[in-house]
PDB file of all heavy atoms in Angstrom:
ATOM      1  N   LEU A   1     -20.972  -7.585  11.097  1.00  0.00           N
ATOM      2  CA  LEU A   1     -19.781  -8.389  11.356  1.00  0.00           C
ATOM      3  C   LEU A   1     -18.885  -7.612  12.302  1.00  0.00           C
ATOM      4  O   LEU A   1     -18.901  -6.384  12.311  1.00  0.00           O
ATOM      5  CB  LEU A   1     -19.009  -8.681  10.063  1.00  0.00           C
ATOM      6  CG  LEU A   1     -19.501  -9.789   9.138  1.00  0.00           C
ATOM      7  CD1 LEU A   1     -18.653  -9.824   7.869  1.00  0.00           C
ATOM      8  CD2 LEU A   1     -19.474 -11.149   9.825  1.00  0.00           C
ATOM      9  N   ARG A   2     -18.079  -8.357  13.050  1.00  0.00           N
ATOM     10  CA  ARG A   2     -17.122  -7.724  13.947  1.00  0.00           C
ATOM     11  C   ARG A   2     -15.733  -8.243  13.612  1.00  0.00           C
ATOM     12  O   ARG A   2     -15.485  -9.453  13.677  1.00  0.00           O
ATOM     13  CB  ARG A   2     -17.456  -8.030  15.402  1.00  0.00           C
ATOM     14  CG  ARG A   2     -16.547  -7.347  16.416  1.00  0.00           C
ATOM     15  CD  ARG A   2     -17.015  -7.663  17.831  1.00  0.00           C
ATOM     16  NE  ARG A   2     -16.181  -7.095  18.859  1.00  0.00           N
ATOM     17  CZ  ARG A   2     -16.313  -5.865  19.330  1.00  0.00           C
ATOM     18  NH1 ARG A   2     -17.257  -5.073  18.858  1.00  0.00           N
ATOM     19  NH2 ARG A   2     -15.506  -5.438  20.299  1.00  0.00           N
ATOM     20  N   LEU A   3     -14.858  -7.343  13.260  1.00  0.00           N
ATOM     21  CA  LEU A   3     -13.473  -7.687  12.978  1.00  0.00           C
ATOM     22  C   LEU A   3     -12.612  -7.361  14.193  1.00  0.00           C
ATOM     23  O   LEU A   3     -12.860  -6.383  14.892  1.00  0.00           O
ATOM     24  CB  LEU A   3     -12.950  -6.903  11.775  1.00  0.00           C
ATOM     25  CG  LEU A   3     -13.734  -7.007  10.472  1.00  0.00           C
ATOM     26  CD1 LEU A   3     -13.015  -6.225   9.373  1.00  0.00           C
ATOM     27  CD2 LEU A   3     -13.934  -8.449  10.060  1.00  0.00           C
ATOM     28  N   SER A   4     -11.621  -8.197  14.413  1.00  0.00           N
ATOM     29  CA  SER A   4     -10.660  -7.954  15.480  1.00  0.00           C
ATOM     30  C   SER A   4      -9.254  -8.043  14.912  1.00  0.00           C
ATOM     31  O   SER A   4      -9.017  -8.736  13.924  1.00  0.00           O
ATOM     32  CB  SER A   4     -10.832  -8.968  16.613  1.00  0.00           C
ATOM     33  OG  SER A   4     -12.101  -8.860  17.209  1.00  0.00           O
ATOM     34  N   CYS A   5      -8.350  -7.352  15.574  1.00  0.00           N
ATOM     35  CA  CYS A   5      -6.942  -7.395  15.176  1.00  0.00           C
ATOM     36  C   CYS A   5      -6.117  -7.444  16.459  1.00  0.00           C
ATOM     37  O   CYS A   5      -6.231  -6.555  17.309  1.00  0.00           O
ATOM     38  CB  CYS A   5      -6.584  -6.164  14.355  1.00  0.00           C
ATOM     39  SG  CYS A   5      -4.821  -5.961  14.016  1.00  0.00           S
ATOM     40  N   ARG A   6      -5.329  -8.483  16.573  1.00  0.00           N
ATOM     41  CA  ARG A   6      -4.491  -8.631  17.765  1.00  0.00           C
ATOM     42  C   ARG A   6      -3.055  -8.305  17.393  1.00  0.00           C
ATOM     43  O   ARG A   6      -2.522  -8.838  16.413  1.00  0.00           O
ATOM     44  CB  ARG A   6      -4.588 -10.039  18.320  1.00  0.00           C
ATOM     45  CG  ARG A   6      -3.798 -10.254  19.611  1.00  0.00           C
ATOM     46  CD  ARG A   6      -4.176 -11.571  20.261  1.00  0.00           C
ATOM     47  NE  ARG A   6      -5.576 -11.594  20.661  1.00  0.00           N
ATOM     48  CZ  ARG A   6      -6.369 -12.644  20.458  1.00  0.00           C
ATOM     49  NH1 ARG A   6      -5.911 -13.720  19.854  1.00  0.00           N
ATOM     50  NH2 ARG A   6      -7.619 -12.602  20.860  1.00  0.00           N
ATOM     51  N   ALA A   7      -2.432  -7.450  18.181  1.00  0.00           N
ATOM     52  CA  ALA A   7      -1.069  -7.019  17.919  1.00  0.00           C
ATOM     53  C   ALA A   7      -0.101  -7.668  18.896  1.00  0.00           C
ATOM     54  O   ALA A   7      -0.442  -7.907  20.054  1.00  0.00           O
ATOM     55  CB  ALA A   7      -0.975  -5.501  18.037  1.00  0.00           C
ATOM     56  N   SER A   8       1.085  -7.927  18.418  1.00  0.00           N
ATOM     57  CA  SER A   8       2.152  -8.438  19.273  1.00  0.00           C
ATOM     58  C   SER A   8       3.471  -7.850  18.805  1.00  0.00           C
ATOM     59  O   SER A   8       3.601  -7.388  17.660  1.00  0.00           O
ATOM     60  CB  SER A   8       2.198  -9.969  19.241  1.00  0.00           C
ATOM     61  OG  SER A   8       2.431 -10.431  17.931  1.00  0.00           O
ATOM     62  N   GLY A   9       4.444  -7.847  19.711  1.00  0.00           N
ATOM     63  CA  GLY A   9       5.770  -7.346  19.356  1.00  0.00           C
ATOM     64  C   GLY A   9       5.907  -5.842  19.429  1.00  0.00           C
ATOM     65  O   GLY A   9       6.910  -5.295  18.960  1.00  0.00           O
ATOM     66  N   LEU A  10       4.915  -5.166  19.992  1.00  0.00           N
ATOM     67  CA  LEU A  10       4.985  -3.717  20.152  1.00  0.00           C
ATOM     68  C   LEU A  10       4.275  -3.322  21.439  1.00  0.00           C
ATOM     69  O   LEU A  10       3.520  -4.114  22.013  1.00  0.00           O
ATOM     70  CB  LEU A  10       4.367  -2.996  18.945  1.00  0.00           C
ATOM     71  CG  LEU A  10       2.969  -3.407  18.438  1.00  0.00           C
ATOM     72  CD1 LEU A  10       1.862  -2.974  19.367  1.00  0.00           C
ATOM     73  CD2 LEU A  10       2.739  -2.853  17.045  1.00  0.00           C
ATOM     74  N   THR A  11       4.539  -2.103  21.900  1.00  0.00           N
ATOM     75  CA  THR A  11       3.818  -1.571  23.053  1.00  0.00           C
ATOM     76  C   THR A  11       2.534  -0.962  22.530  1.00  0.00           C
ATOM     77  O   THR A  11       2.499   0.180  22.065  1.00  0.00           O
ATOM     78  CB  THR A  11       4.678  -0.520  23.782  1.00  0.00           C
ATOM     79  OG1 THR A  11       5.929  -1.118  24.164  1.00  0.00           O
ATOM     80  CG2 THR A  11       3.959  -0.034  25.041  1.00  0.00           C
ATOM     81  N   PHE A  12       1.489  -1.750  22.576  1.00  0.00           N
ATOM     82  CA  PHE A  12       0.252  -1.454  21.857  1.00  0.00           C
ATOM     83  C   PHE A  12      -0.305  -0.074  22.192  1.00  0.00           C
ATOM     84  O   PHE A  12      -0.755   0.653  21.310  1.00  0.00           O
ATOM     85  CB  PHE A  12      -0.776  -2.538  22.182  1.00  0.00           C
ATOM     86  CG  PHE A  12      -2.059  -2.419  21.428  1.00  0.00           C
ATOM     87  CD1 PHE A  12      -2.110  -2.702  20.072  1.00  0.00           C
ATOM     88  CD2 PHE A  12      -3.219  -2.030  22.078  1.00  0.00           C
ATOM     89  CE1 PHE A  12      -3.294  -2.604  19.372  1.00  0.00           C
ATOM     90  CE2 PHE A  12      -4.416  -1.920  21.401  1.00  0.00           C
ATOM     91  CZ  PHE A  12      -4.455  -2.215  20.036  1.00  0.00           C
ATOM     92  N   SER A  13      -0.256   0.305  23.457  1.00  0.00           N
ATOM     93  CA  SER A  13      -0.854   1.576  23.871  1.00  0.00           C
ATOM     94  C   SER A  13      -0.113   2.785  23.301  1.00  0.00           C
ATOM     95  O   SER A  13      -0.634   3.901  23.351  1.00  0.00           O
ATOM     96  CB  SER A  13      -0.899   1.668  25.399  1.00  0.00           C
ATOM     97  OG  SER A  13       0.405   1.571  25.938  1.00  0.00           O
ATOM     98  N   ASN A  14       1.062   2.577  22.733  1.00  0.00           N
ATOM     99  CA  ASN A  14       1.821   3.666  22.122  1.00  0.00           C
ATOM    100  C   ASN A  14       1.527   3.840  20.640  1.00  0.00           C
ATOM    101  O   ASN A  14       2.169   4.664  19.985  1.00  0.00           O
ATOM    102  CB  ASN A  14       3.330   3.431  22.290  1.00  0.00           C
ATOM    103  CG  ASN A  14       3.782   3.587  23.730  1.00  0.00           C
ATOM    104  OD1 ASN A  14       3.060   4.112  24.575  1.00  0.00           O
ATOM    105  ND2 ASN A  14       4.987   3.113  24.017  1.00  0.00           N
ATOM    106  N   TYR A  15       0.590   3.059  20.137  1.00  0.00           N
ATOM    107  CA  TYR A  15       0.303   3.063  18.705  1.00  0.00           C
ATOM    108  C   TYR A  15      -1.122   3.485  18.403  1.00  0.00           C
ATOM    109  O   TYR A  15      -2.067   3.078  19.091  1.00  0.00           O
ATOM    110  CB  TYR A  15       0.543   1.670  18.107  1.00  0.00           C
ATOM    111  CG  TYR A  15       2.000   1.362  17.894  1.00  0.00           C
ATOM    112  CD1 TYR A  15       2.837   1.064  18.963  1.00  0.00           C
ATOM    113  CD2 TYR A  15       2.561   1.398  16.620  1.00  0.00           C
ATOM    114  CE1 TYR A  15       4.183   0.803  18.769  1.00  0.00           C
ATOM    115  CE2 TYR A  15       3.902   1.136  16.415  1.00  0.00           C
ATOM    116  CZ  TYR A  15       4.704   0.846  17.493  1.00  0.00           C
ATOM    117  OH  TYR A  15       6.040   0.590  17.293  1.00  0.00           O
ATOM    118  N   ALA A  16      -1.259   4.289  17.358  1.00  0.00           N
ATOM    119  CA  ALA A  16      -2.565   4.503  16.752  1.00  0.00           C
ATOM    120  C   ALA A  16      -2.840   3.318  15.824  1.00  0.00           C
ATOM    121  O   ALA A  16      -1.917   2.763  15.222  1.00  0.00           O
ATOM    122  CB  ALA A  16      -2.583   5.802  15.963  1.00  0.00           C
ATOM    123  N   MET A  17      -4.100   2.956  15.742  1.00  0.00           N
ATOM    124  CA  MET A  17      -4.491   1.798  14.933  1.00  0.00           C
ATOM    125  C   MET A  17      -5.503   2.221  13.880  1.00  0.00           C
ATOM    126  O   MET A  17      -6.384   3.043  14.132  1.00  0.00           O
ATOM    127  CB  MET A  17      -5.098   0.721  15.823  1.00  0.00           C
ATOM    128  CG  MET A  17      -4.170   0.226  16.930  1.00  0.00           C
ATOM    129  SD  MET A  17      -2.668  -0.551  16.296  1.00  0.00           S
ATOM    130  CE  MET A  17      -3.352  -1.962  15.429  1.00  0.00           C
ATOM    131  N   GLY A  18      -5.376   1.636  12.721  1.00  0.00           N
ATOM    132  CA  GLY A  18      -6.304   1.952  11.647  1.00  0.00           C
ATOM    133  C   GLY A  18      -6.843   0.695  10.981  1.00  0.00           C
ATOM    134  O   GLY A  18      -6.243  -0.383  11.078  1.00  0.00           O
ATOM    135  N   TRP A  19      -7.979   0.844  10.355  1.00  0.00           N
ATOM    136  CA  TRP A  19      -8.554  -0.193   9.492  1.00  0.00           C
ATOM    137  C   TRP A  19      -8.661   0.383   8.085  1.00  0.00           C
ATOM    138  O   TRP A  19      -9.139   1.510   7.894  1.00  0.00           O
ATOM    139  CB  TRP A  19      -9.932  -0.619   9.969  1.00  0.00           C
ATOM    140  CG  TRP A  19      -9.930  -1.500  11.173  1.00  0.00           C
ATOM    141  CD1 TRP A  19     -10.118  -1.139  12.470  1.00  0.00           C
ATOM    142  CD2 TRP A  19      -9.745  -2.921  11.196  1.00  0.00           C
ATOM    143  NE1 TRP A  19     -10.047  -2.226  13.293  1.00  0.00           N
ATOM    144  CE2 TRP A  19      -9.824  -3.340  12.538  1.00  0.00           C
ATOM    145  CE3 TRP A  19      -9.520  -3.894  10.209  1.00  0.00           C
ATOM    146  CZ2 TRP A  19      -9.688  -4.679  12.921  1.00  0.00           C
ATOM    147  CZ3 TRP A  19      -9.384  -5.215  10.590  1.00  0.00           C
ATOM    148  CH2 TRP A  19      -9.468  -5.602  11.927  1.00  0.00           C
ATOM    149  N   PHE A  20      -8.234  -0.403   7.125  1.00  0.00           N
ATOM    150  CA  PHE A  20      -8.333  -0.063   5.719  1.00  0.00           C
ATOM    151  C   PHE A  20      -8.988  -1.232   4.996  1.00  0.00           C
ATOM    152  O   PHE A  20      -9.046  -2.346   5.527  1.00  0.00           O
ATOM    153  CB  PHE A  20      -6.939   0.197   5.120  1.00  0.00           C
ATOM    154  CG  PHE A  20      -6.311   1.484   5.592  1.00  0.00           C
ATOM    155  CD1 PHE A  20      -5.797   1.587   6.872  1.00  0.00           C
ATOM    156  CD2 PHE A  20      -6.223   2.574   4.752  1.00  0.00           C
ATOM    157  CE1 PHE A  20      -5.208   2.767   7.321  1.00  0.00           C
ATOM    158  CE2 PHE A  20      -5.639   3.761   5.178  1.00  0.00           C
ATOM    159  CZ  PHE A  20      -5.140   3.857   6.457  1.00  0.00           C
ATOM    160  N   ARG A  21      -9.457  -0.997   3.788  1.00  0.00           N
ATOM    161  CA  ARG A  21     -10.019  -2.086   2.997  1.00  0.00           C
ATOM    162  C   ARG A  21      -9.620  -1.918   1.539  1.00  0.00           C
ATOM    163  O   ARG A  21      -9.363  -0.806   1.063  1.00  0.00           O
ATOM    164  CB  ARG A  21     -11.539  -2.153   3.136  1.00  0.00           C
ATOM    165  CG  ARG A  21     -12.298  -0.952   2.566  1.00  0.00           C
ATOM    166  CD  ARG A  21     -13.773  -1.045   2.920  1.00  0.00           C
ATOM    167  NE  ARG A  21     -14.517   0.093   2.394  1.00  0.00           N
ATOM    168  CZ  ARG A  21     -15.794   0.347   2.695  1.00  0.00           C
ATOM    169  NH1 ARG A  21     -16.454  -0.462   3.518  1.00  0.00           N
ATOM    170  NH2 ARG A  21     -16.403   1.401   2.168  1.00  0.00           N
ATOM    171  N   GLN A  22      -9.580  -3.050   0.867  1.00  0.00           N
ATOM    172  CA  GLN A  22      -9.202  -3.054  -0.537  1.00  0.00           C
ATOM    173  C   GLN A  22     -10.076  -4.030  -1.300  1.00  0.00           C
ATOM    174  O   GLN A  22     -10.046  -5.236  -1.022  1.00  0.00           O
ATOM    175  CB  GLN A  22      -7.726  -3.406  -0.712  1.00  0.00           C
ATOM    176  CG  GLN A  22      -7.225  -3.246  -2.126  1.00  0.00           C
ATOM    177  CD  GLN A  22      -5.705  -3.329  -2.198  1.00  0.00           C
ATOM    178  OE1 GLN A  22      -5.036  -3.817  -1.293  1.00  0.00           O
ATOM    179  NE2 GLN A  22      -5.149  -2.846  -3.308  1.00  0.00           N
ATOM    180  N   ALA A  23     -10.847  -3.505  -2.222  1.00  0.00           N
ATOM    181  CA  ALA A  23     -11.666  -4.328  -3.102  1.00  0.00           C
ATOM    182  C   ALA A  23     -10.857  -4.677  -4.343  1.00  0.00           C
ATOM    183  O   ALA A  23      -9.919  -3.962  -4.703  1.00  0.00           O
ATOM    184  CB  ALA A  23     -12.935  -3.572  -3.477  1.00  0.00           C
ATOM    185  N   PRO A  24     -11.214  -5.758  -5.022  1.00  0.00           N
ATOM    186  CA  PRO A  24     -10.478  -6.156  -6.232  1.00  0.00           C
ATOM    187  C   PRO A  24     -10.423  -5.031  -7.251  1.00  0.00           C
ATOM    188  O   PRO A  24     -11.442  -4.408  -7.563  1.00  0.00           O
ATOM    189  CB  PRO A  24     -11.285  -7.341  -6.748  1.00  0.00           C
ATOM    190  CG  PRO A  24     -11.952  -7.899  -5.545  1.00  0.00           C
ATOM    191  CD  PRO A  24     -12.276  -6.715  -4.680  1.00  0.00           C
ATOM    192  N   GLY A  25      -9.234  -4.752  -7.740  1.00  0.00           N
ATOM    193  CA  GLY A  25      -9.071  -3.730  -8.761  1.00  0.00           C
ATOM    194  C   GLY A  25      -9.090  -2.311  -8.248  1.00  0.00           C
ATOM    195  O   GLY A  25      -9.022  -1.366  -9.046  1.00  0.00           O
ATOM    196  N   LYS A  26      -9.167  -2.143  -6.929  1.00  0.00           N
ATOM    197  CA  LYS A  26      -9.225  -0.799  -6.365  1.00  0.00           C
ATOM    198  C   LYS A  26      -8.068  -0.577  -5.399  1.00  0.00           C
ATOM    199  O   LYS A  26      -7.441  -1.521  -4.932  1.00  0.00           O
ATOM    200  CB  LYS A  26     -10.558  -0.578  -5.650  1.00  0.00           C
ATOM    201  CG  LYS A  26     -11.758  -0.592  -6.579  1.00  0.00           C
ATOM    202  CD  LYS A  26     -13.004  -0.153  -5.845  1.00  0.00           C
ATOM    203  CE  LYS A  26     -14.187  -0.076  -6.794  1.00  0.00           C
ATOM    204  NZ  LYS A  26     -15.423   0.395  -6.106  1.00  0.00           N
ATOM    205  N   GLU A  27      -7.827   0.681  -5.090  1.00  0.00           N
ATOM    206  CA  GLU A  27      -6.774   1.000  -4.145  1.00  0.00           C
ATOM    207  C   GLU A  27      -7.249   0.747  -2.720  1.00  0.00           C
ATOM    208  O   GLU A  27      -8.449   0.765  -2.427  1.00  0.00           O
ATOM    209  CB  GLU A  27      -6.350   2.457  -4.303  1.00  0.00           C
ATOM    210  CG  GLU A  27      -5.642   2.746  -5.618  1.00  0.00           C
ATOM    211  CD  GLU A  27      -4.959   4.088  -5.623  1.00  0.00           C
ATOM    212  OE1 GLU A  27      -5.179   4.871  -4.685  1.00  0.00           O
ATOM    213  OE2 GLU A  27      -4.193   4.349  -6.567  1.00  0.00           O
ATOM    214  N   ARG A  28      -6.285   0.541  -1.836  1.00  0.00           N
ATOM    215  CA  ARG A  28      -6.609   0.369  -0.427  1.00  0.00           C
ATOM    216  C   ARG A  28      -7.094   1.707   0.127  1.00  0.00           C
ATOM    217  O   ARG A  28      -6.443   2.726  -0.049  1.00  0.00           O
ATOM    218  CB  ARG A  28      -5.379  -0.128   0.322  1.00  0.00           C
ATOM    219  CG  ARG A  28      -5.658  -0.627   1.710  1.00  0.00           C
ATOM    220  CD  ARG A  28      -4.456  -1.335   2.300  1.00  0.00           C
ATOM    221  NE  ARG A  28      -4.091  -2.521   1.522  1.00  0.00           N
ATOM    222  CZ  ARG A  28      -3.178  -3.395   1.897  1.00  0.00           C
ATOM    223  NH1 ARG A  28      -2.544  -3.234   3.048  1.00  0.00           N
ATOM    224  NH2 ARG A  28      -2.909  -4.430   1.140  1.00  0.00           N
ATOM    225  N   GLU A  29      -8.231   1.669   0.814  1.00  0.00           N
ATOM    226  CA  GLU A  29      -8.824   2.905   1.286  1.00  0.00           C
ATOM    227  C   GLU A  29      -9.037   2.894   2.794  1.00  0.00           C
ATOM    228  O   GLU A  29      -9.247   1.839   3.402  1.00  0.00           O
ATOM    229  CB  GLU A  29     -10.174   3.165   0.588  1.00  0.00           C
ATOM    230  CG  GLU A  29     -11.243   2.153   0.898  1.00  0.00           C
ATOM    231  CD  GLU A  29     -12.592   2.532   0.287  1.00  0.00           C
ATOM    232  OE1 GLU A  29     -12.676   3.521  -0.468  1.00  0.00           O
ATOM    233  OE2 GLU A  29     -13.580   1.825   0.592  1.00  0.00           O
ATOM    234  N   PHE A  30      -8.992   4.080   3.357  1.00  0.00           N
ATOM    235  CA  PHE A  30      -9.186   4.260   4.785  1.00  0.00           C
ATOM    236  C   PHE A  30     -10.623   3.930   5.182  1.00  0.00           C
ATOM    237  O   PHE A  30     -11.572   4.293   4.473  1.00  0.00           O
ATOM    238  CB  PHE A  30      -8.865   5.711   5.142  1.00  0.00           C
ATOM    239  CG  PHE A  30      -9.238   6.115   6.536  1.00  0.00           C
ATOM    240  CD1 PHE A  30      -8.476   5.684   7.615  1.00  0.00           C
ATOM    241  CD2 PHE A  30     -10.346   6.902   6.779  1.00  0.00           C
ATOM    242  CE1 PHE A  30      -8.801   6.051   8.907  1.00  0.00           C
ATOM    243  CE2 PHE A  30     -10.690   7.284   8.057  1.00  0.00           C
ATOM    244  CZ  PHE A  30      -9.919   6.845   9.130  1.00  0.00           C
ATOM    245  N   VAL A  31     -10.753   3.267   6.334  1.00  0.00           N
ATOM    246  CA  VAL A  31     -12.071   2.972   6.885  1.00  0.00           C
ATOM    247  C   VAL A  31     -12.249   3.680   8.232  1.00  0.00           C
ATOM    248  O   VAL A  31     -13.208   4.423   8.426  1.00  0.00           O
ATOM    249  CB  VAL A  31     -12.269   1.453   7.050  1.00  0.00           C
ATOM    250  CG1 VAL A  31     -13.591   1.161   7.746  1.00  0.00           C
ATOM    251  CG2 VAL A  31     -12.192   0.741   5.714  1.00  0.00           C
ATOM    252  N   ALA A  32     -11.329   3.422   9.162  1.00  0.00           N
ATOM    253  CA  ALA A  32     -11.454   3.995  10.505  1.00  0.00           C
ATOM    254  C   ALA A  32     -10.098   3.975  11.190  1.00  0.00           C
ATOM    255  O   ALA A  32      -9.226   3.190  10.832  1.00  0.00           O
ATOM    256  CB  ALA A  32     -12.472   3.217  11.330  1.00  0.00           C
ATOM    257  N   ALA A  33      -9.944   4.846  12.171  1.00  0.00           N
ATOM    258  CA  ALA A  33      -8.713   4.874  12.955  1.00  0.00           C
ATOM    259  C   ALA A  33      -9.032   5.295  14.378  1.00  0.00           C
ATOM    260  O   ALA A  33     -10.060   5.943  14.643  1.00  0.00           O
ATOM    261  CB  ALA A  33      -7.686   5.823  12.339  1.00  0.00           C
ATOM    262  N   ILE A  34      -8.137   4.928  15.289  1.00  0.00           N
ATOM    263  CA  ILE A  34      -8.311   5.268  16.690  1.00  0.00           C
ATOM    264  C   ILE A  34      -6.969   5.653  17.286  1.00  0.00           C
ATOM    265  O   ILE A  34      -5.950   5.011  17.008  1.00  0.00           O
ATOM    266  CB  ILE A  34      -8.973   4.094  17.458  1.00  0.00           C
ATOM    267  CG1 ILE A  34      -9.305   4.492  18.887  1.00  0.00           C
ATOM    268  CG2 ILE A  34      -8.111   2.839  17.403  1.00  0.00           C
ATOM    269  CD1 ILE A  34     -10.241   3.479  19.583  1.00  0.00           C
ATOM    270  N   GLY A  35      -6.998   6.705  18.102  1.00  0.00           N
ATOM    271  CA  GLY A  35      -5.796   7.098  18.802  1.00  0.00           C
ATOM    272  C   GLY A  35      -5.626   6.267  20.062  1.00  0.00           C
ATOM    273  O   GLY A  35      -5.995   5.091  20.099  1.00  0.00           O
ATOM    274  N   TRP A  36      -5.124   6.896  21.103  1.00  0.00           N
ATOM    275  CA  TRP A  36      -4.857   6.125  22.326  1.00  0.00           C
ATOM    276  C   TRP A  36      -6.141   5.590  22.952  1.00  0.00           C
ATOM    277  O   TRP A  36      -6.171   4.525  23.548  1.00  0.00           O
ATOM    278  CB  TRP A  36      -4.106   6.997  23.328  1.00  0.00           C
ATOM    279  CG  TRP A  36      -3.685   6.234  24.540  1.00  0.00           C
ATOM    280  CD1 TRP A  36      -2.551   5.495  24.683  1.00  0.00           C
ATOM    281  CD2 TRP A  36      -4.398   6.121  25.794  1.00  0.00           C
ATOM    282  NE1 TRP A  36      -2.513   4.925  25.937  1.00  0.00           N
ATOM    283  CE2 TRP A  36      -3.626   5.280  26.637  1.00  0.00           C
ATOM    284  CE3 TRP A  36      -5.601   6.627  26.267  1.00  0.00           C
ATOM    285  CZ2 TRP A  36      -4.020   4.967  27.924  1.00  0.00           C
ATOM    286  CZ3 TRP A  36      -5.994   6.303  27.555  1.00  0.00           C
ATOM    287  CH2 TRP A  36      -5.204   5.481  28.367  1.00  0.00           C
ATOM    288  N   SER A  37      -7.201   6.378  22.822  1.00  0.00           N
ATOM    289  CA  SER A  37      -8.452   5.949  23.449  1.00  0.00           C
ATOM    290  C   SER A  37      -9.619   6.217  22.512  1.00  0.00           C
ATOM    291  O   SER A  37      -9.460   6.777  21.426  1.00  0.00           O
ATOM    292  CB  SER A  37      -8.674   6.720  24.754  1.00  0.00           C
ATOM    293  OG  SER A  37      -9.065   8.065  24.469  1.00  0.00           O
ATOM    294  N   GLU A  38     -10.781   5.798  22.946  1.00  0.00           N
ATOM    295  CA  GLU A  38     -11.972   5.959  22.118  1.00  0.00           C
ATOM    296  C   GLU A  38     -12.483   7.393  22.096  1.00  0.00           C
ATOM    297  O   GLU A  38     -13.496   7.670  21.449  1.00  0.00           O
ATOM    298  CB  GLU A  38     -13.039   4.982  22.582  1.00  0.00           C
ATOM    299  CG  GLU A  38     -12.635   3.554  22.232  1.00  0.00           C
ATOM    300  CD  GLU A  38     -13.385   2.481  22.982  1.00  0.00           C
ATOM    301  OE1 GLU A  38     -14.425   2.773  23.584  1.00  0.00           O
ATOM    302  OE2 GLU A  38     -12.918   1.328  22.960  1.00  0.00           O
ATOM    303  N   ASP A  39     -11.775   8.297  22.746  1.00  0.00           N
ATOM    304  CA  ASP A  39     -12.081   9.719  22.580  1.00  0.00           C
ATOM    305  C   ASP A  39     -11.541  10.251  21.251  1.00  0.00           C
ATOM    306  O   ASP A  39     -11.881  11.356  20.842  1.00  0.00           O
ATOM    307  CB  ASP A  39     -11.469  10.535  23.727  1.00  0.00           C
ATOM    308  CG  ASP A  39     -12.162  10.270  25.046  1.00  0.00           C
ATOM    309  OD1 ASP A  39     -13.336   9.875  25.025  1.00  0.00           O
ATOM    310  OD2 ASP A  39     -11.532  10.453  26.099  1.00  0.00           O
ATOM    311  N   SER A  40     -10.692   9.467  20.613  1.00  0.00           N
ATOM    312  CA  SER A  40     -10.065   9.891  19.363  1.00  0.00           C
ATOM    313  C   SER A  40     -10.328   8.837  18.299  1.00  0.00           C
ATOM    314  O   SER A  40      -9.530   7.920  18.097  1.00  0.00           O
ATOM    315  CB  SER A  40      -8.554  10.066  19.561  1.00  0.00           C
ATOM    316  OG  SER A  40      -8.276  11.026  20.563  1.00  0.00           O
ATOM    317  N   THR A  41     -11.460   8.919  17.667  1.00  0.00           N
ATOM    318  CA  THR A  41     -11.813   7.990  16.602  1.00  0.00           C
ATOM    319  C   THR A  41     -12.156   8.777  15.339  1.00  0.00           C
ATOM    320  O   THR A  41     -12.664   9.902  15.414  1.00  0.00           O
ATOM    321  CB  THR A  41     -12.998   7.104  16.989  1.00  0.00           C
ATOM    322  OG1 THR A  41     -14.124   7.930  17.333  1.00  0.00           O
ATOM    323  CG2 THR A  41     -12.656   6.219  18.180  1.00  0.00           C
ATOM    324  N   TYR A  42     -11.868   8.164  14.205  1.00  0.00           N
ATOM    325  CA  TYR A  42     -12.012   8.832  12.913  1.00  0.00           C
ATOM    326  C   TYR A  42     -12.563   7.815  11.920  1.00  0.00           C
ATOM    327  O   TYR A  42     -12.191   6.643  11.958  1.00  0.00           O
ATOM    328  CB  TYR A  42     -10.655   9.371  12.443  1.00  0.00           C
ATOM    329  CG  TYR A  42      -9.953  10.143  13.533  1.00  0.00           C
ATOM    330  CD1 TYR A  42      -9.075   9.506  14.402  1.00  0.00           C
ATOM    331  CD2 TYR A  42     -10.204  11.491  13.728  1.00  0.00           C
ATOM    332  CE1 TYR A  42      -8.462  10.200  15.445  1.00  0.00           C
ATOM    333  CE2 TYR A  42      -9.587  12.192  14.759  1.00  0.00           C
ATOM    334  CZ  TYR A  42      -8.730  11.531  15.614  1.00  0.00           C
ATOM    335  OH  TYR A  42      -8.124  12.218  16.641  1.00  0.00           O
ATOM    336  N   TYR A  43     -13.441   8.282  11.040  1.00  0.00           N
ATOM    337  CA  TYR A  43     -14.116   7.383  10.123  1.00  0.00           C
ATOM    338  C   TYR A  43     -14.162   7.980   8.721  1.00  0.00           C
ATOM    339  O   TYR A  43     -14.250   9.199   8.539  1.00  0.00           O
ATOM    340  CB  TYR A  43     -15.549   7.128  10.587  1.00  0.00           C
ATOM    341  CG  TYR A  43     -15.641   6.442  11.926  1.00  0.00           C
ATOM    342  CD1 TYR A  43     -15.785   7.163  13.095  1.00  0.00           C
ATOM    343  CD2 TYR A  43     -15.570   5.050  12.011  1.00  0.00           C
ATOM    344  CE1 TYR A  43     -15.849   6.542  14.327  1.00  0.00           C
ATOM    345  CE2 TYR A  43     -15.641   4.408  13.241  1.00  0.00           C
ATOM    346  CZ  TYR A  43     -15.775   5.158  14.393  1.00  0.00           C
ATOM    347  OH  TYR A  43     -15.830   4.530  15.603  1.00  0.00           O
ATOM    348  N   ALA A  44     -14.137   7.085   7.743  1.00  0.00           N
ATOM    349  CA  ALA A  44     -14.449   7.500   6.386  1.00  0.00           C
ATOM    350  C   ALA A  44     -15.923   7.868   6.320  1.00  0.00           C
ATOM    351  O   ALA A  44     -16.757   7.282   7.023  1.00  0.00           O
ATOM    352  CB  ALA A  44     -14.144   6.365   5.411  1.00  0.00           C
ATOM    353  N   ASP A  45     -16.249   8.817   5.481  1.00  0.00           N
ATOM    354  CA  ASP A  45     -17.648   9.240   5.361  1.00  0.00           C
ATOM    355  C   ASP A  45     -18.552   8.070   4.979  1.00  0.00           C
ATOM    356  O   ASP A  45     -19.711   8.007   5.391  1.00  0.00           O
ATOM    357  CB  ASP A  45     -17.771  10.347   4.313  1.00  0.00           C
ATOM    358  CG  ASP A  45     -17.190  11.676   4.802  1.00  0.00           C
ATOM    359  OD1 ASP A  45     -16.973  11.818   6.028  1.00  0.00           O
ATOM    360  OD2 ASP A  45     -16.938  12.544   3.954  1.00  0.00           O
ATOM    361  N   SER A  46     -18.022   7.135   4.215  1.00  0.00           N
ATOM    362  CA  SER A  46     -18.825   6.020   3.712  1.00  0.00           C
ATOM    363  C   SER A  46     -19.258   5.056   4.810  1.00  0.00           C
ATOM    364  O   SER A  46     -20.189   4.272   4.603  1.00  0.00           O
ATOM    365  CB  SER A  46     -18.057   5.259   2.634  1.00  0.00           C
ATOM    366  OG  SER A  46     -16.835   4.764   3.153  1.00  0.00           O
ATOM    367  N   VAL A  47     -18.596   5.091   5.960  1.00  0.00           N
ATOM    368  CA  VAL A  47     -18.933   4.146   7.028  1.00  0.00           C
ATOM    369  C   VAL A  47     -19.392   4.843   8.304  1.00  0.00           C
ATOM    370  O   VAL A  47     -19.826   4.167   9.255  1.00  0.00           O
ATOM    371  CB  VAL A  47     -17.747   3.216   7.357  1.00  0.00           C
ATOM    372  CG1 VAL A  47     -17.235   2.528   6.090  1.00  0.00           C
ATOM    373  CG2 VAL A  47     -16.621   3.956   8.063  1.00  0.00           C
TER     374      VAL A  47
END
């Protein structure tokens, strides 16, 4: 699957973006994040 997230109301290039997920009954957990460019990407070990 491919998820997308469109941002508005901010200067997008000035923001780091992250993806998190939350299963029923569990805490929201980190999945992935990206800095200004794809040279700076970070992932949870599980993904």
